[in-house]
Amino acid sequence: MRRLTELRPRGTMMHCVIQARARCPVNILIADKFETWGIDSLKKAGHEISFEPALEGDGLRDAVVRTGCSVLVVRGTKVPADVIGASPKLSLIVRAGAGYNTIDVAAASQRGVFVSNCPGKNAAAVAELAFGLILAIDRRIVDCAVDLRSGDWNKKIYSEARGLKDRTLGIVGMGQIGRNVALRAKAFEMNVVAWSRSFTQEEADELGIERAESPADVASKCDVLSVHLALAPETKGLINAAVLDRLAPGSYVINTARAEVMDYDALAAAVERKKLRVGLDVFPGEPSGGKDKFEAAICKAGGVIYGTHHIGASTEQAQNAIAAETIRIIQTFAETGQVPNCVNIETRSPAKCQMVVRHHDKVGVLASVLSTLRKANINVQEMSNTVFQQSQACVAAIRLEEIPRPEVVAEIAGMKDLVIHVEVRPIA
């Protein structure tokens, strides 16, 4: 079988085993860091690989043209409209990570370019960092270590920890990362209260946690607020002053999601007013590169504020899992034309009806049907064609933007040497 057949751990690394070469090799430009074993696996499958991990801006646009790639793989690199429009050969952009806010998805949709990502593959890594930050700010591990290195022994100050057992962890965003955090909280014998738009009472009961009615409701019930929202128009700035004001004095706030989902000015004010302790992995205006000068304004708010360098997904386990998922997406695309995890396919088609055409498996049948629809000025939204055994008959399911007039249906049904039967079914 010509497909990705196995992804398995070998020692501390994960290796991709491909049994045969891809049926339809593709030209791939990898414009960010990527696991060596993953590149080797793609090459063994017959794909043409250009690995240029330092590309950005004009250099990325020029490389898309120069390589003639049909697949572009990125991690943190921004993919604006001019890059997407640089070459008509570009068909798929894979974000080797969970989010895709660095890609101009609207521009990709306008040009019929698929955008895909690897959701959930970094869930364990981000959850681990979130709990690392919770533990660090509870026990003030960073300050303790700094003082010890400086020769200062302050056991009296650093013994004033609350501990996590029997405390309540509030989670806003119950995707795979939020669920991983909830499971780890249970291991620490914490109570958990959570909210997410799609999080149901049944799911809460199954996980043994409390379901809140809103982010503010979570804040009012927790000792530690941990944010795990995906960035979307409806989540931008969702953790605002109204939410933070519901926290009890001395509460902890953790953000390992995206800086844009939280109002950092409101957070700074709440830190000063409520003596909050804060652990952050994401910041407004953080550098796009791997190394740069950066001063996070929130770190000047005073009190116990710890930060990491947007490294939530940066573990070997997570990067291997993301690489494996990226390979699966590319292999599926090469083999079938389908794109797993695609984020820019219209989920609510404007089609008004589906025309089902049973026809003989002959040259020109679909061309004749589509030509008739074109003459009637009827737009096709979606189409599939299923071939039966012995390759003598097929069924075409054609979703149309409007219901065809009876005479159009009759014209198609009248193609007696091509068409067996025609049926039009309205779509509710």
Protein backbone atom coordinates (compact mmCIF):
# COMPACT_ATOMS: atom_id res chain seq x y z
CA MET A 1 0.00 0.00 0.00
CA ARG A 2 1.37 3.39 -0.92
CA ARG A 3 0.72 5.31 2.26
CA LEU A 4 2.16 6.33 5.58
CA THR A 5 1.88 3.06 7.46
CA GLU A 6 3.58 3.48 10.81
CA LEU A 7 4.77 6.14 13.22
CA ARG A 8 6.56 4.58 16.15
CA PRO A 9 9.01 5.52 18.89
CA ARG A 10 12.53 4.19 18.66
CA GLY A 11 14.50 4.95 21.79
CA THR A 12 13.85 8.61 22.56
CA MET A 13 13.06 9.55 18.96
CA MET A 14 10.06 8.88 16.79
CA HIS A 15 10.72 7.42 13.35
CA CYS A 16 8.41 7.50 10.36
CA VAL A 17 8.29 4.30 8.34
CA ILE A 18 6.89 4.53 4.81
CA GLN A 19 6.45 1.24 3.00
CA ALA A 20 6.39 2.55 -0.55
CA ARG A 21 6.84 5.67 -2.58
CA ALA A 22 3.97 8.11 -2.80
CA ARG A 23 1.72 7.59 -5.80
CA CYS A 24 1.82 11.33 -6.56
CA PRO A 25 5.03 12.89 -5.19
CA VAL A 26 4.81 16.59 -4.38
CA ASN A 27 7.31 19.43 -4.25
CA ILE A 28 7.68 20.59 -0.63
CA LEU A 29 9.32 23.74 0.75
CA ILE A 30 10.03 23.49 4.49
CA ALA A 31 10.65 27.05 5.64
CA ASP A 32 11.20 26.41 9.37
CA LYS A 33 12.95 23.96 11.65
CA PHE A 34 11.80 20.40 11.11
CA GLU A 35 12.88 17.03 12.45
CA THR A 36 15.61 15.35 10.39
CA TRP A 37 13.89 11.96 10.53
CA GLY A 38 10.75 13.62 9.13
CA ILE A 39 12.61 15.12 6.18
CA ASP A 40 14.25 11.75 5.49
CA SER A 41 10.84 10.03 5.57
CA LEU A 42 9.37 12.48 3.08
CA LYS A 43 12.35 12.01 0.77
CA LYS A 44 12.01 8.21 0.97
CA ALA A 45 8.40 8.60 -0.10
CA GLY A 46 9.62 10.24 -3.31
CA HIS A 47 8.78 13.84 -2.49
CA GLU A 48 11.09 16.65 -3.61
CA ILE A 49 12.22 18.59 -0.54
CA SER A 50 13.67 22.08 -0.24
CA PHE A 51 14.72 22.67 3.37
CA GLU A 52 15.38 26.37 4.03
CA PRO A 53 14.61 26.94 7.72
CA ALA A 54 15.60 30.62 7.93
CA LEU A 55 13.18 32.02 5.34
CA GLU A 56 10.90 34.96 6.02
CA GLY A 57 9.43 37.99 4.22
CA ASP A 58 10.67 38.55 0.68
CA GLY A 59 13.00 35.58 1.00
CA LEU A 60 10.05 33.27 1.63
CA ARG A 61 8.10 34.71 -1.30
CA ASP A 62 11.09 34.33 -3.62
CA ALA A 63 11.66 30.74 -2.46
CA VAL A 64 8.04 29.81 -3.18
CA VAL A 65 8.57 31.02 -6.76
CA ARG A 66 12.07 29.58 -7.13
CA THR A 67 11.23 26.10 -5.85
CA GLY A 68 7.84 25.89 -7.55
CA CYS A 69 6.55 24.17 -4.39
CA SER A 70 3.01 22.86 -4.16
CA VAL A 71 3.31 22.37 -0.38
CA LEU A 72 4.72 24.92 2.07
CA VAL A 73 5.51 23.85 5.65
CA VAL A 74 6.01 26.51 8.34
CA ARG A 75 6.08 26.75 12.11
CA GLY A 76 6.31 30.34 13.38
CA THR A 77 7.12 31.94 10.02
CA LYS A 78 4.49 34.40 8.81
CA VAL A 79 2.82 33.61 5.48
CA PRO A 80 1.20 36.82 4.17
CA ALA A 81 -0.93 37.29 1.05
CA ASP A 82 2.00 38.18 -1.24
CA VAL A 83 3.69 34.85 -0.44
CA ILE A 84 0.48 32.92 -1.07
CA GLY A 85 -0.07 34.69 -4.38
CA ALA A 86 3.54 34.38 -5.53
CA SER A 87 3.06 31.08 -7.37
CA PRO A 88 -0.02 29.38 -8.85
CA LYS A 89 1.62 26.03 -8.01
CA LEU A 90 1.20 26.51 -4.26
CA SER A 91 -1.71 24.30 -3.20
CA LEU A 92 -1.24 23.53 0.49
CA ILE A 93 0.22 25.34 3.51
CA VAL A 94 0.85 23.20 6.58
CA ARG A 95 1.37 24.90 9.92
CA ALA A 96 3.53 22.45 11.85
CA GLY A 97 1.85 23.40 15.10
CA ALA A 98 -1.54 24.07 16.61
CA GLY A 99 -2.40 27.69 15.73
CA TYR A 100 -2.49 29.25 12.29
CA ASN A 101 -2.84 32.96 13.03
CA THR A 102 0.52 33.61 11.30
CA ILE A 103 -1.01 32.56 7.95
CA ASP A 104 -3.28 34.82 5.89
CA VAL A 105 -6.07 32.26 5.70
CA ALA A 106 -8.42 34.64 3.86
CA ALA A 107 -5.86 35.13 1.07
CA ALA A 108 -5.32 31.38 0.86
CA SER A 109 -9.07 30.78 0.58
CA GLN A 110 -9.37 33.33 -2.23
CA ARG A 111 -6.75 31.44 -4.23
CA GLY A 112 -8.02 27.94 -3.43
CA VAL A 113 -4.99 27.08 -1.29
CA PHE A 114 -5.59 24.60 1.54
CA VAL A 115 -4.39 25.58 5.02
CA SER A 116 -3.90 22.79 7.56
CA ASN A 117 -2.46 22.49 11.05
CA CYS A 118 -1.59 19.91 13.70
CA PRO A 119 -4.06 20.43 16.55
CA GLY A 120 -3.55 18.68 19.86
CA LYS A 121 -0.11 17.30 19.12
CA ASN A 122 1.50 19.76 21.54
CA ALA A 123 -1.17 19.31 24.22
CA ALA A 124 0.98 17.37 26.68
CA ALA A 125 3.92 19.74 26.28
CA VAL A 126 1.86 22.91 26.86
CA ALA A 127 0.08 21.32 29.82
CA GLU A 128 3.43 20.41 31.34
CA LEU A 129 4.68 23.99 31.02
CA ALA A 130 1.44 25.38 32.45
CA PHE A 131 1.90 23.23 35.52
CA GLY A 132 5.56 24.13 35.69
CA LEU A 133 4.56 27.80 35.88
CA ILE A 134 1.88 27.08 38.50
CA LEU A 135 4.37 25.25 40.70
CA ALA A 136 7.05 27.88 40.12
CA ILE A 137 4.91 30.82 41.19
CA ASP A 138 3.41 28.93 44.13
CA ARG A 139 6.84 28.04 45.54
CA ARG A 140 8.60 31.10 44.04
CA ILE A 141 11.21 28.76 42.59
CA VAL A 142 12.82 31.33 40.28
CA ASP A 143 13.37 33.96 42.98
CA CYS A 144 14.52 31.28 45.38
CA ALA A 145 17.13 30.01 42.92
CA VAL A 146 18.32 33.52 42.04
CA ASP A 147 18.82 34.42 45.70
CA LEU A 148 20.63 31.16 46.38
CA ARG A 149 23.02 31.78 43.49
CA SER A 150 23.61 35.27 44.84
CA GLY A 151 24.51 33.88 48.25
CA ASP A 152 21.30 34.99 49.99
CA TRP A 153 19.52 32.49 52.27
CA ASN A 154 15.84 33.52 52.66
CA LYS A 155 14.14 30.39 53.93
CA LYS A 156 11.63 32.40 55.97
CA ILE A 157 10.29 34.23 52.91
CA TYR A 158 10.26 31.23 50.57
CA SER A 159 8.56 28.96 53.09
CA GLU A 160 5.35 30.97 52.66
CA ALA A 161 3.78 28.78 49.94
CA ARG A 162 0.12 27.90 49.75
CA GLY A 163 0.47 24.50 48.07
CA LEU A 164 -1.82 23.14 45.36
CA LYS A 165 -3.63 20.28 47.11
CA ASP A 166 -7.34 21.08 47.58
CA ARG A 167 -6.97 24.38 45.69
CA THR A 168 -9.24 25.04 42.72
CA LEU A 169 -7.83 25.30 39.21
CA GLY A 170 -9.97 27.26 36.76
CA ILE A 171 -9.54 26.46 33.07
CA VAL A 172 -10.82 28.67 30.26
CA GLY A 173 -10.68 26.68 27.03
CA MET A 174 -11.31 22.94 27.16
CA GLY A 175 -9.69 21.75 23.98
CA GLN A 176 -7.06 19.04 24.12
CA ILE A 177 -4.60 21.25 26.02
CA GLY A 178 -7.22 22.28 28.59
CA ARG A 179 -8.20 18.65 29.10
CA ASN A 180 -4.56 17.67 29.59
CA VAL A 181 -4.22 20.39 32.21
CA ALA A 182 -7.37 19.17 33.97
CA LEU A 183 -5.99 15.61 34.14
CA ARG A 184 -2.74 16.85 35.65
CA ALA A 185 -4.62 18.97 38.17
CA LYS A 186 -6.44 15.85 39.33
CA ALA A 187 -3.08 14.17 39.90
CA PHE A 188 -2.16 17.11 42.16
CA GLU A 189 -5.45 16.57 44.05
CA MET A 190 -6.83 19.91 42.92
CA ASN A 191 -10.46 20.74 42.28
CA VAL A 192 -11.19 21.84 38.71
CA VAL A 193 -13.77 24.24 37.31
CA ALA A 194 -13.81 24.87 33.57
CA TRP A 195 -15.55 26.74 30.76
CA SER A 196 -15.47 26.49 27.00
CA ARG A 197 -18.10 27.39 24.42
CA SER A 198 -18.61 23.77 23.40
CA PHE A 199 -17.92 22.18 26.80
CA THR A 200 -21.03 20.30 27.94
CA GLN A 201 -22.25 19.19 31.34
CA GLU A 202 -21.95 15.57 30.19
CA GLU A 203 -18.27 16.09 29.39
CA ALA A 204 -17.71 17.78 32.74
CA ASP A 205 -19.36 14.88 34.56
CA GLU A 206 -17.22 12.40 32.64
CA LEU A 207 -14.03 14.25 33.63
CA GLY A 208 -15.21 14.72 37.21
CA ILE A 209 -14.95 18.51 37.13
CA GLU A 210 -17.31 21.46 37.55
CA ARG A 211 -18.66 23.27 34.49
CA ALA A 212 -18.83 27.06 34.76
CA GLU A 213 -21.20 29.34 32.86
CA SER A 214 -18.61 31.87 31.65
CA PRO A 215 -14.94 32.88 31.96
CA ALA A 216 -15.94 35.31 34.71
CA ASP A 217 -17.72 32.49 36.51
CA VAL A 218 -14.51 30.43 36.35
CA ALA A 219 -12.51 33.35 37.77
CA SER A 220 -14.92 33.78 40.67
CA LYS A 221 -14.53 30.12 41.71
CA CYS A 222 -10.82 29.42 41.31
CA ASP A 223 -7.51 29.98 43.04
CA VAL A 224 -5.54 29.50 39.81
CA LEU A 225 -6.83 30.69 36.42
CA SER A 226 -5.21 28.92 33.43
CA VAL A 227 -6.07 30.08 29.92
CA HIS A 228 -6.07 27.65 26.98
CA LEU A 229 -8.12 29.41 24.31
CA ALA A 230 -7.42 29.21 20.59
CA LEU A 231 -7.05 32.66 19.04
CA ALA A 232 -10.14 33.61 17.03
CA PRO A 233 -12.14 36.83 16.56
CA GLU A 234 -14.52 35.78 19.32
CA THR A 235 -11.71 35.00 21.82
CA LYS A 236 -9.56 38.09 21.25
CA GLY A 237 -9.40 40.00 24.53
CA LEU A 238 -11.84 37.57 26.15
CA ILE A 239 -9.86 37.55 29.41
CA ASN A 240 -10.42 41.20 30.21
CA ALA A 241 -10.81 43.41 33.28
CA ALA A 242 -14.33 42.09 33.89
CA VAL A 243 -12.94 38.55 34.18
CA LEU A 244 -9.81 39.45 36.15
CA ASP A 245 -11.84 41.52 38.60
CA ARG A 246 -13.66 38.33 39.66
CA LEU A 247 -10.42 36.75 40.92
CA ALA A 248 -9.78 36.68 44.63
CA PRO A 249 -6.76 38.65 45.91
CA GLY A 250 -3.56 36.64 45.65
CA SER A 251 -4.86 34.37 42.88
CA TYR A 252 -2.58 32.95 40.19
CA VAL A 253 -2.99 33.63 36.45
CA ILE A 254 -1.41 31.42 33.77
CA ASN A 255 -1.44 32.10 30.04
CA THR A 256 0.23 29.57 27.73
CA ALA A 257 -2.24 30.15 24.86
CA ARG A 258 -1.93 33.42 22.91
CA ALA A 259 -1.23 36.91 24.22
CA GLU A 260 -4.13 38.31 22.20
CA VAL A 261 -6.77 36.42 24.19
CA MET A 262 -5.88 38.42 27.32
CA ASP A 263 -5.88 42.16 28.06
CA TYR A 264 -2.35 42.59 29.43
CA ASP A 265 -2.97 46.18 30.54
CA ALA A 266 -5.90 44.97 32.61
CA LEU A 267 -3.71 42.14 33.90
CA ALA A 268 -0.99 44.60 35.00
CA ALA A 269 -3.58 46.67 36.85
CA ALA A 270 -5.01 43.56 38.52
CA VAL A 271 -1.52 42.46 39.58
CA GLU A 272 -1.00 45.75 41.39
CA ARG A 273 -4.51 45.92 42.87
CA LYS A 274 -5.02 42.26 43.81
CA LYS A 275 -1.41 41.09 44.28
CA LEU A 276 -1.89 38.38 41.66
CA ARG A 277 0.93 35.98 40.82
CA VAL A 278 1.36 35.47 37.09
CA GLY A 279 3.01 32.88 34.84
CA LEU A 280 3.16 33.68 31.12
CA ASP A 281 4.56 31.96 28.05
CA VAL A 282 3.15 34.46 25.52
CA PHE A 283 3.49 38.24 25.24
CA PRO A 284 2.23 41.12 23.09
CA GLY A 285 4.77 42.09 20.44
CA GLU A 286 7.14 39.22 21.15
CA PRO A 287 10.02 38.76 18.66
CA SER A 288 9.32 36.52 15.67
CA GLY A 289 12.84 35.12 15.59
CA GLY A 290 14.54 32.66 17.89
CA LYS A 291 16.81 35.26 19.51
CA ASP A 292 16.37 39.00 19.99
CA LYS A 293 16.20 41.77 22.56
CA PHE A 294 12.77 41.99 24.20
CA GLU A 295 11.28 43.77 27.18
CA ALA A 296 7.83 42.58 28.21
CA ALA A 297 5.91 45.46 29.74
CA ILE A 298 3.90 43.13 31.98
CA CYS A 299 7.09 42.01 33.74
CA LYS A 300 7.37 45.51 35.21
CA ALA A 301 3.99 45.28 36.96
CA GLY A 302 5.67 44.17 40.19
CA GLY A 303 5.07 41.17 42.40
CA VAL A 304 5.64 37.57 41.34
CA ILE A 305 5.55 37.49 37.53
CA TYR A 306 7.35 34.65 35.79
CA GLY A 307 7.71 34.27 32.05
CA THR A 308 9.04 31.83 29.51
CA HIS A 309 9.95 32.46 25.88
CA HIS A 310 6.86 31.07 24.06
CA ILE A 311 8.21 27.54 24.44
CA GLY A 312 5.00 25.71 25.36
CA ALA A 313 5.24 23.29 22.45
CA SER A 314 9.02 23.04 22.50
CA THR A 315 9.63 19.54 23.77
CA GLU A 316 11.11 16.65 21.84
CA GLN A 317 7.92 14.63 22.32
CA ALA A 318 5.71 17.41 20.97
CA GLN A 319 7.91 18.23 17.99
CA ASN A 320 8.11 14.56 16.98
CA ALA A 321 4.32 14.26 17.22
CA ILE A 322 3.86 17.44 15.16
CA ALA A 323 6.33 16.22 12.55
CA ALA A 324 4.48 12.90 12.31
CA GLU A 325 1.16 14.69 11.85
CA THR A 326 2.65 17.01 9.22
CA ILE A 327 3.86 13.97 7.29
CA ARG A 328 0.42 12.36 7.54
CA ILE A 329 -1.21 15.51 6.13
CA ILE A 330 1.20 15.69 3.21
CA GLN A 331 0.95 11.96 2.46
CA THR A 332 -2.85 12.08 2.48
CA PHE A 333 -2.82 15.11 0.20
CA ALA A 334 -0.38 13.44 -2.20
CA GLU A 335 -2.37 10.20 -2.30
CA THR A 336 -5.97 11.43 -2.30
CA GLY A 337 -6.07 15.19 -2.75
CA GLN A 338 -7.82 15.39 0.64
CA VAL A 339 -6.37 17.55 3.43
CA PRO A 340 -6.71 16.42 7.07
CA ASN A 341 -7.26 19.21 9.62
CA CYS A 342 -8.04 21.74 6.89
CA VAL A 343 -9.10 25.04 8.49
CA ASN A 344 -10.42 26.95 5.46
CA ILE A 345 -13.00 24.68 3.83
CA GLU A 346 -16.50 26.15 3.85
CA THR A 347 -18.60 24.17 6.30
CA ARG A 348 -21.92 25.69 5.28
CA SER A 349 -22.24 25.39 1.53
CA PRO A 350 -24.70 27.77 -0.19
CA ALA A 351 -25.93 24.85 -2.30
CA LYS A 352 -29.74 24.68 -2.60
CA CYS A 353 -30.00 21.16 -3.99
CA GLN A 354 -28.13 18.02 -4.94
CA MET A 355 -28.45 16.56 -8.42
CA VAL A 356 -27.79 12.83 -8.44
CA VAL A 357 -26.85 11.55 -11.89
CA ARG A 358 -26.53 7.78 -12.44
CA HIS A 359 -24.57 7.39 -15.65
CA HIS A 360 -22.52 5.04 -17.81
CA ASP A 361 -18.77 5.15 -17.25
CA LYS A 362 -17.97 6.77 -20.60
CA VAL A 363 -15.79 9.62 -21.78
CA GLY A 364 -17.57 12.98 -21.83
CA VAL A 365 -20.53 12.20 -19.56
CA LEU A 366 -19.66 14.67 -16.82
CA ALA A 367 -18.44 17.21 -19.35
CA SER A 368 -21.85 17.10 -21.06
CA VAL A 369 -23.73 17.42 -17.75
CA LEU A 370 -21.58 20.33 -16.58
CA SER A 371 -21.87 22.03 -19.98
CA THR A 372 -25.66 21.91 -19.69
CA LEU A 373 -25.52 23.41 -16.20
CA ARG A 374 -23.18 26.11 -17.44
CA LYS A 375 -25.57 27.07 -20.24
CA ALA A 376 -28.29 27.36 -17.60
CA ASN A 377 -25.97 29.64 -15.56
CA ILE A 378 -26.08 27.29 -12.56
CA ASN A 379 -22.98 27.22 -10.38
CA VAL A 380 -21.64 23.90 -9.02
CA GLN A 381 -20.63 24.10 -5.35
CA GLU A 382 -19.43 20.52 -4.71
CA MET A 383 -19.16 17.36 -6.75
CA SER A 384 -18.22 13.71 -6.31
CA ASN A 385 -18.29 10.74 -8.69
CA THR A 386 -18.48 7.13 -7.44
CA VAL A 387 -17.50 4.30 -9.76
CA PHE A 388 -19.15 0.88 -9.31
CA GLN A 389 -17.52 -2.53 -9.72
CA GLN A 390 -16.60 -3.50 -13.30
CA SER A 391 -16.37 0.23 -14.13
CA GLN A 392 -19.54 0.29 -16.19
CA ALA A 393 -21.69 2.67 -14.14
CA CYS A 394 -21.16 5.63 -11.84
CA VAL A 395 -23.12 8.02 -9.65
CA ALA A 396 -22.29 11.71 -9.69
CA ALA A 397 -23.52 13.79 -6.73
CA ILE A 398 -23.50 17.45 -7.78
CA ARG A 399 -24.43 20.19 -5.32
CA LEU A 400 -25.86 23.23 -7.07
CA GLU A 401 -26.23 26.84 -6.04
CA GLU A 402 -29.82 26.88 -7.27
CA ILE A 403 -32.49 24.38 -8.20
CA PRO A 404 -32.42 23.71 -11.98
CA ARG A 405 -35.52 24.30 -14.04
CA PRO A 406 -37.42 21.18 -15.20
CA GLU A 407 -36.25 21.65 -18.79
CA VAL A 408 -32.59 21.61 -17.65
CA VAL A 409 -33.13 18.35 -15.78
CA ALA A 410 -34.97 16.93 -18.80
CA GLU A 411 -32.09 17.85 -21.12
CA ILE A 412 -29.60 15.97 -18.91
CA ALA A 413 -31.95 12.99 -18.51
CA GLY A 414 -32.36 12.95 -22.29
CA MET A 415 -28.70 12.01 -22.84
CA LYS A 416 -29.82 8.39 -23.23
CA ASP A 417 -26.52 6.91 -24.34
CA LEU A 418 -24.76 8.57 -21.39
CA VAL A 419 -27.21 9.04 -18.53
CA ILE A 420 -29.25 6.33 -16.79
CA HIS A 421 -31.30 8.45 -14.37
CA VAL A 422 -31.40 11.98 -12.91
CA GLU A 423 -32.84 13.04 -9.56
CA VAL A 424 -32.86 16.45 -7.89
CA ARG A 425 -33.00 16.54 -4.07
CA PRO A 426 -33.50 19.84 -2.22
CA ILE A 427 -31.08 20.55 0.62
CA ALA A 428 -32.75 21.61 3.86
